[in-house]
Amino acid sequence: MQHPTPGETNLSVLLRSANPILQEGKYVFCTLPDLAGVDQENLIGYFREKEGITVILAQNAADALSLPYAFIAAWITLTVHSSLAAVGLTAAFSTALAKAQVSCNVIAAYYHDHIFVPYEDRDIAMEVLSSLADF
């Protein structure tokens, strides 16, 4: 079985190549006891915790299912293929966002990092993330 390439590990290359893309729409995090009644096609992602299953989905999908949520987010993808073993990328962008008073929730997937920021802070987050290429 052939495995895909593991991605970039050099922090300076990662920062120069981050190329953040703002996904369209509004996204929410919800918690459920199980995935019954949820079409997995609607899920951006999910994580099983002992207290329940956290799901990430478009706000309109959550509304259609009458799922409660407390945080409406914008979804930003760093398009550089970062390695899961890369050191410092999450720290670099989360520190830069913190300095701009923007909270972030991060999902590191196999190919890319996905950052969920408060929807109202999406423009400043994009500016901050885009400026990382200058370092």
C-alpha atoms as a PDB file:
ATOM      1  CA  MET A   1       0.000   0.000   0.000  1.00  0.00           C
ATOM      2  CA  GLN A   2       1.454   3.336  -1.040  1.00  0.00           C
ATOM      3  CA  HIS A   3       1.214   6.167   1.473  1.00  0.00           C
ATOM      4  CA  PRO A   4       0.873   9.825   0.504  1.00  0.00           C
ATOM      5  CA  THR A   5       3.808  12.107   1.166  1.00  0.00           C
ATOM      6  CA  PRO A   6       4.036  13.172   4.809  1.00  0.00           C
ATOM      7  CA  GLY A   7       4.102  16.944   4.201  1.00  0.00           C
ATOM      8  CA  GLU A   8       6.384  19.858   5.031  1.00  0.00           C
ATOM      9  CA  THR A   9       8.139  20.068   8.406  1.00  0.00           C
ATOM     10  CA  ASN A  10      10.318  23.193   8.008  1.00  0.00           C
ATOM     11  CA  LEU A  11       8.611  25.968  10.003  1.00  0.00           C
ATOM     12  CA  SER A  12       9.873  28.863   7.870  1.00  0.00           C
ATOM     13  CA  VAL A  13       8.674  27.108   4.694  1.00  0.00           C
ATOM     14  CA  LEU A  14       5.322  26.357   6.338  1.00  0.00           C
ATOM     15  CA  LEU A  15       4.819  29.984   7.362  1.00  0.00           C
ATOM     16  CA  ARG A  16       5.827  31.341   3.934  1.00  0.00           C
ATOM     17  CA  SER A  17       3.572  28.810   2.214  1.00  0.00           C
ATOM     18  CA  ALA A  18       0.576  28.787   4.584  1.00  0.00           C
ATOM     19  CA  ASN A  19      -1.728  30.473   2.031  1.00  0.00           C
ATOM     20  CA  PRO A  20      -4.850  30.693   4.218  1.00  0.00           C
ATOM     21  CA  ILE A  21      -8.200  30.300   2.475  1.00  0.00           C
ATOM     22  CA  LEU A  22     -11.460  31.449   4.071  1.00  0.00           C
ATOM     23  CA  GLN A  23     -14.159  28.853   3.453  1.00  0.00           C
ATOM     24  CA  GLU A  24     -17.616  30.210   2.733  1.00  0.00           C
ATOM     25  CA  GLY A  25     -20.276  29.909   5.380  1.00  0.00           C
ATOM     26  CA  LYS A  26     -20.725  29.770   9.119  1.00  0.00           C
ATOM     27  CA  TYR A  27     -19.781  26.720  11.168  1.00  0.00           C
ATOM     28  CA  VAL A  28     -20.678  25.501  14.641  1.00  0.00           C
ATOM     29  CA  PHE A  29     -19.509  22.976  17.208  1.00  0.00           C
ATOM     30  CA  CYS A  30     -22.213  20.842  18.823  1.00  0.00           C
ATOM     31  CA  THR A  31     -22.112  17.968  21.269  1.00  0.00           C
ATOM     32  CA  LEU A  32     -24.187  14.804  20.883  1.00  0.00           C
ATOM     33  CA  PRO A  33     -24.478  11.527  22.783  1.00  0.00           C
ATOM     34  CA  ASP A  34     -24.165   9.638  19.465  1.00  0.00           C
ATOM     35  CA  LEU A  35     -24.372  10.234  15.707  1.00  0.00           C
ATOM     36  CA  ALA A  36     -27.879   8.791  15.284  1.00  0.00           C
ATOM     37  CA  GLY A  37     -29.934  11.025  13.012  1.00  0.00           C
ATOM     38  CA  VAL A  38     -26.927  12.947  11.722  1.00  0.00           C
ATOM     39  CA  ASP A  39     -26.043  12.509   8.064  1.00  0.00           C
ATOM     40  CA  GLN A  40     -22.274  12.114   8.081  1.00  0.00           C
ATOM     41  CA  GLU A  41     -22.170  13.944   4.737  1.00  0.00           C
ATOM     42  CA  ASN A  42     -23.035  17.086   6.745  1.00  0.00           C
ATOM     43  CA  LEU A  43     -20.126  16.678   9.155  1.00  0.00           C
ATOM     44  CA  ILE A  44     -16.954  18.690   8.699  1.00  0.00           C
ATOM     45  CA  GLY A  45     -15.448  16.607  11.472  1.00  0.00           C
ATOM     46  CA  TYR A  46     -16.127  14.962  14.779  1.00  0.00           C
ATOM     47  CA  PHE A  47     -14.259  13.879  17.860  1.00  0.00           C
ATOM     48  CA  ARG A  48     -15.346  11.376  20.489  1.00  0.00           C
ATOM     49  CA  GLU A  49     -14.857  12.499  24.105  1.00  0.00           C
ATOM     50  CA  LYS A  50     -16.009  10.709  27.249  1.00  0.00           C
ATOM     51  CA  GLU A  51     -18.741  13.362  27.732  1.00  0.00           C
ATOM     52  CA  GLY A  52     -20.113  13.057  24.201  1.00  0.00           C
ATOM     53  CA  ILE A  53     -19.291  13.465  20.528  1.00  0.00           C
ATOM     54  CA  THR A  54     -18.253  16.923  19.344  1.00  0.00           C
ATOM     55  CA  VAL A  55     -19.396  17.547  15.783  1.00  0.00           C
ATOM     56  CA  ILE A  56     -18.461  20.409  13.491  1.00  0.00           C
ATOM     57  CA  LEU A  57     -20.955  21.292  10.805  1.00  0.00           C
ATOM     58  CA  ALA A  58     -22.383  24.179   8.864  1.00  0.00           C
ATOM     59  CA  GLN A  59     -24.679  26.341  10.973  1.00  0.00           C
ATOM     60  CA  ASN A  60     -27.612  25.777   8.609  1.00  0.00           C
ATOM     61  CA  ALA A  61     -27.222  21.985   8.970  1.00  0.00           C
ATOM     62  CA  ALA A  62     -27.211  22.307  12.783  1.00  0.00           C
ATOM     63  CA  ASP A  63     -30.276  24.540  12.600  1.00  0.00           C
ATOM     64  CA  ALA A  64     -32.085  22.009  10.392  1.00  0.00           C
ATOM     65  CA  LEU A  65     -31.429  19.353  13.053  1.00  0.00           C
ATOM     66  CA  SER A  66     -32.350  21.742  15.914  1.00  0.00           C
ATOM     67  CA  LEU A  67     -28.916  21.212  17.470  1.00  0.00           C
ATOM     68  CA  PRO A  68     -27.864  23.758  20.103  1.00  0.00           C
ATOM     69  CA  TYR A  69     -24.543  25.596  19.769  1.00  0.00           C
ATOM     70  CA  ALA A  70     -22.867  28.550  21.447  1.00  0.00           C
ATOM     71  CA  PHE A  71     -20.076  29.467  19.030  1.00  0.00           C
ATOM     72  CA  ILE A  72     -20.436  30.529  15.398  1.00  0.00           C
ATOM     73  CA  ALA A  73     -17.173  30.248  13.519  1.00  0.00           C
ATOM     74  CA  ALA A  74     -15.506  31.002  10.239  1.00  0.00           C
ATOM     75  CA  TRP A  75     -13.392  28.172   8.821  1.00  0.00           C
ATOM     76  CA  ILE A  76      -9.921  28.988   7.523  1.00  0.00           C
ATOM     77  CA  THR A  77      -7.752  26.356   5.836  1.00  0.00           C
ATOM     78  CA  LEU A  78      -3.981  26.662   5.600  1.00  0.00           C
ATOM     79  CA  THR A  79      -3.436  25.193   2.149  1.00  0.00           C
ATOM     80  CA  VAL A  80       0.210  24.219   2.678  1.00  0.00           C
ATOM     81  CA  HIS A  81       0.571  20.440   3.086  1.00  0.00           C
ATOM     82  CA  SER A  82       1.919  20.429   6.614  1.00  0.00           C
ATOM     83  CA  SER A  83       3.299  17.312   8.239  1.00  0.00           C
ATOM     84  CA  LEU A  84       1.576  16.081  11.362  1.00  0.00           C
ATOM     85  CA  ALA A  85       5.106  15.939  12.828  1.00  0.00           C
ATOM     86  CA  ALA A  86       5.886  19.605  12.068  1.00  0.00           C
ATOM     87  CA  VAL A  87       6.987  21.573  15.130  1.00  0.00           C
ATOM     88  CA  GLY A  88       5.854  25.133  15.823  1.00  0.00           C
ATOM     89  CA  LEU A  89       3.225  25.823  13.168  1.00  0.00           C
ATOM     90  CA  THR A  90       0.240  25.752  15.509  1.00  0.00           C
ATOM     91  CA  ALA A  91       2.162  27.779  18.091  1.00  0.00           C
ATOM     92  CA  ALA A  92       3.130  30.389  15.482  1.00  0.00           C
ATOM     93  CA  PHE A  93      -0.327  31.043  14.121  1.00  0.00           C
ATOM     94  CA  SER A  94      -2.156  30.709  17.441  1.00  0.00           C
ATOM     95  CA  THR A  95       0.284  33.176  19.061  1.00  0.00           C
ATOM     96  CA  ALA A  96      -0.196  35.640  16.202  1.00  0.00           C
ATOM     97  CA  LEU A  97      -3.978  35.324  16.477  1.00  0.00           C
ATOM     98  CA  ALA A  98      -3.847  35.707  20.276  1.00  0.00           C
ATOM     99  CA  LYS A  99      -1.870  38.941  19.895  1.00  0.00           C
ATOM    100  CA  ALA A 100      -4.735  40.183  17.701  1.00  0.00           C
ATOM    101  CA  GLN A 101      -7.255  39.056  20.371  1.00  0.00           C
ATOM    102  CA  VAL A 102      -8.708  36.354  18.082  1.00  0.00           C
ATOM    103  CA  SER A 103      -9.492  32.964  19.584  1.00  0.00           C
ATOM    104  CA  CYS A 104      -8.920  29.891  17.478  1.00  0.00           C
ATOM    105  CA  ASN A 105      -9.898  26.252  17.503  1.00  0.00           C
ATOM    106  CA  VAL A 106      -7.568  24.090  15.435  1.00  0.00           C
ATOM    107  CA  ILE A 107      -8.062  20.805  13.640  1.00  0.00           C
ATOM    108  CA  ALA A 108      -4.885  19.275  12.261  1.00  0.00           C
ATOM    109  CA  ALA A 109      -5.849  16.891   9.476  1.00  0.00           C
ATOM    110  CA  TYR A 110      -3.518  14.761   7.346  1.00  0.00           C
ATOM    111  CA  TYR A 111      -2.916  17.371   4.642  1.00  0.00           C
ATOM    112  CA  HIS A 112      -3.850  20.735   6.139  1.00  0.00           C
ATOM    113  CA  ASP A 113      -4.506  22.678   9.317  1.00  0.00           C
ATOM    114  CA  HIS A 114      -8.024  24.034   9.723  1.00  0.00           C
ATOM    115  CA  ILE A 115      -8.655  26.992  11.992  1.00  0.00           C
ATOM    116  CA  PHE A 116     -12.063  27.971  13.328  1.00  0.00           C
ATOM    117  CA  VAL A 117     -12.249  31.576  14.528  1.00  0.00           C
ATOM    118  CA  PRO A 118     -15.198  33.654  15.734  1.00  0.00           C
ATOM    119  CA  TYR A 119     -17.179  34.539  12.616  1.00  0.00           C
ATOM    120  CA  GLU A 120     -17.026  38.267  13.372  1.00  0.00           C
ATOM    121  CA  ASP A 121     -13.192  38.069  13.535  1.00  0.00           C
ATOM    122  CA  ARG A 122     -12.706  36.294  10.197  1.00  0.00           C
ATOM    123  CA  ASP A 123     -11.266  39.307   8.328  1.00  0.00           C
ATOM    124  CA  ILE A 124      -8.691  40.170  10.974  1.00  0.00           C
ATOM    125  CA  ALA A 125      -7.794  36.475  11.282  1.00  0.00           C
ATOM    126  CA  MET A 126      -7.179  36.303   7.538  1.00  0.00           C
ATOM    127  CA  GLU A 127      -4.971  39.410   7.729  1.00  0.00           C
ATOM    128  CA  VAL A 128      -2.986  37.962  10.621  1.00  0.00           C
ATOM    129  CA  LEU A 129      -2.568  34.571   8.984  1.00  0.00           C
ATOM    130  CA  SER A 130      -1.634  36.077   5.629  1.00  0.00           C
ATOM    131  CA  SER A 131       1.010  38.224   7.309  1.00  0.00           C
ATOM    132  CA  LEU A 132       2.805  35.102   8.591  1.00  0.00           C
ATOM    133  CA  ALA A 133       4.272  34.725   5.100  1.00  0.00           C
ATOM    134  CA  ASP A 134       6.341  37.873   5.801  1.00  0.00           C
ATOM    135  CA  PHE A 135       8.372  36.128   8.527  1.00  0.00           C
END
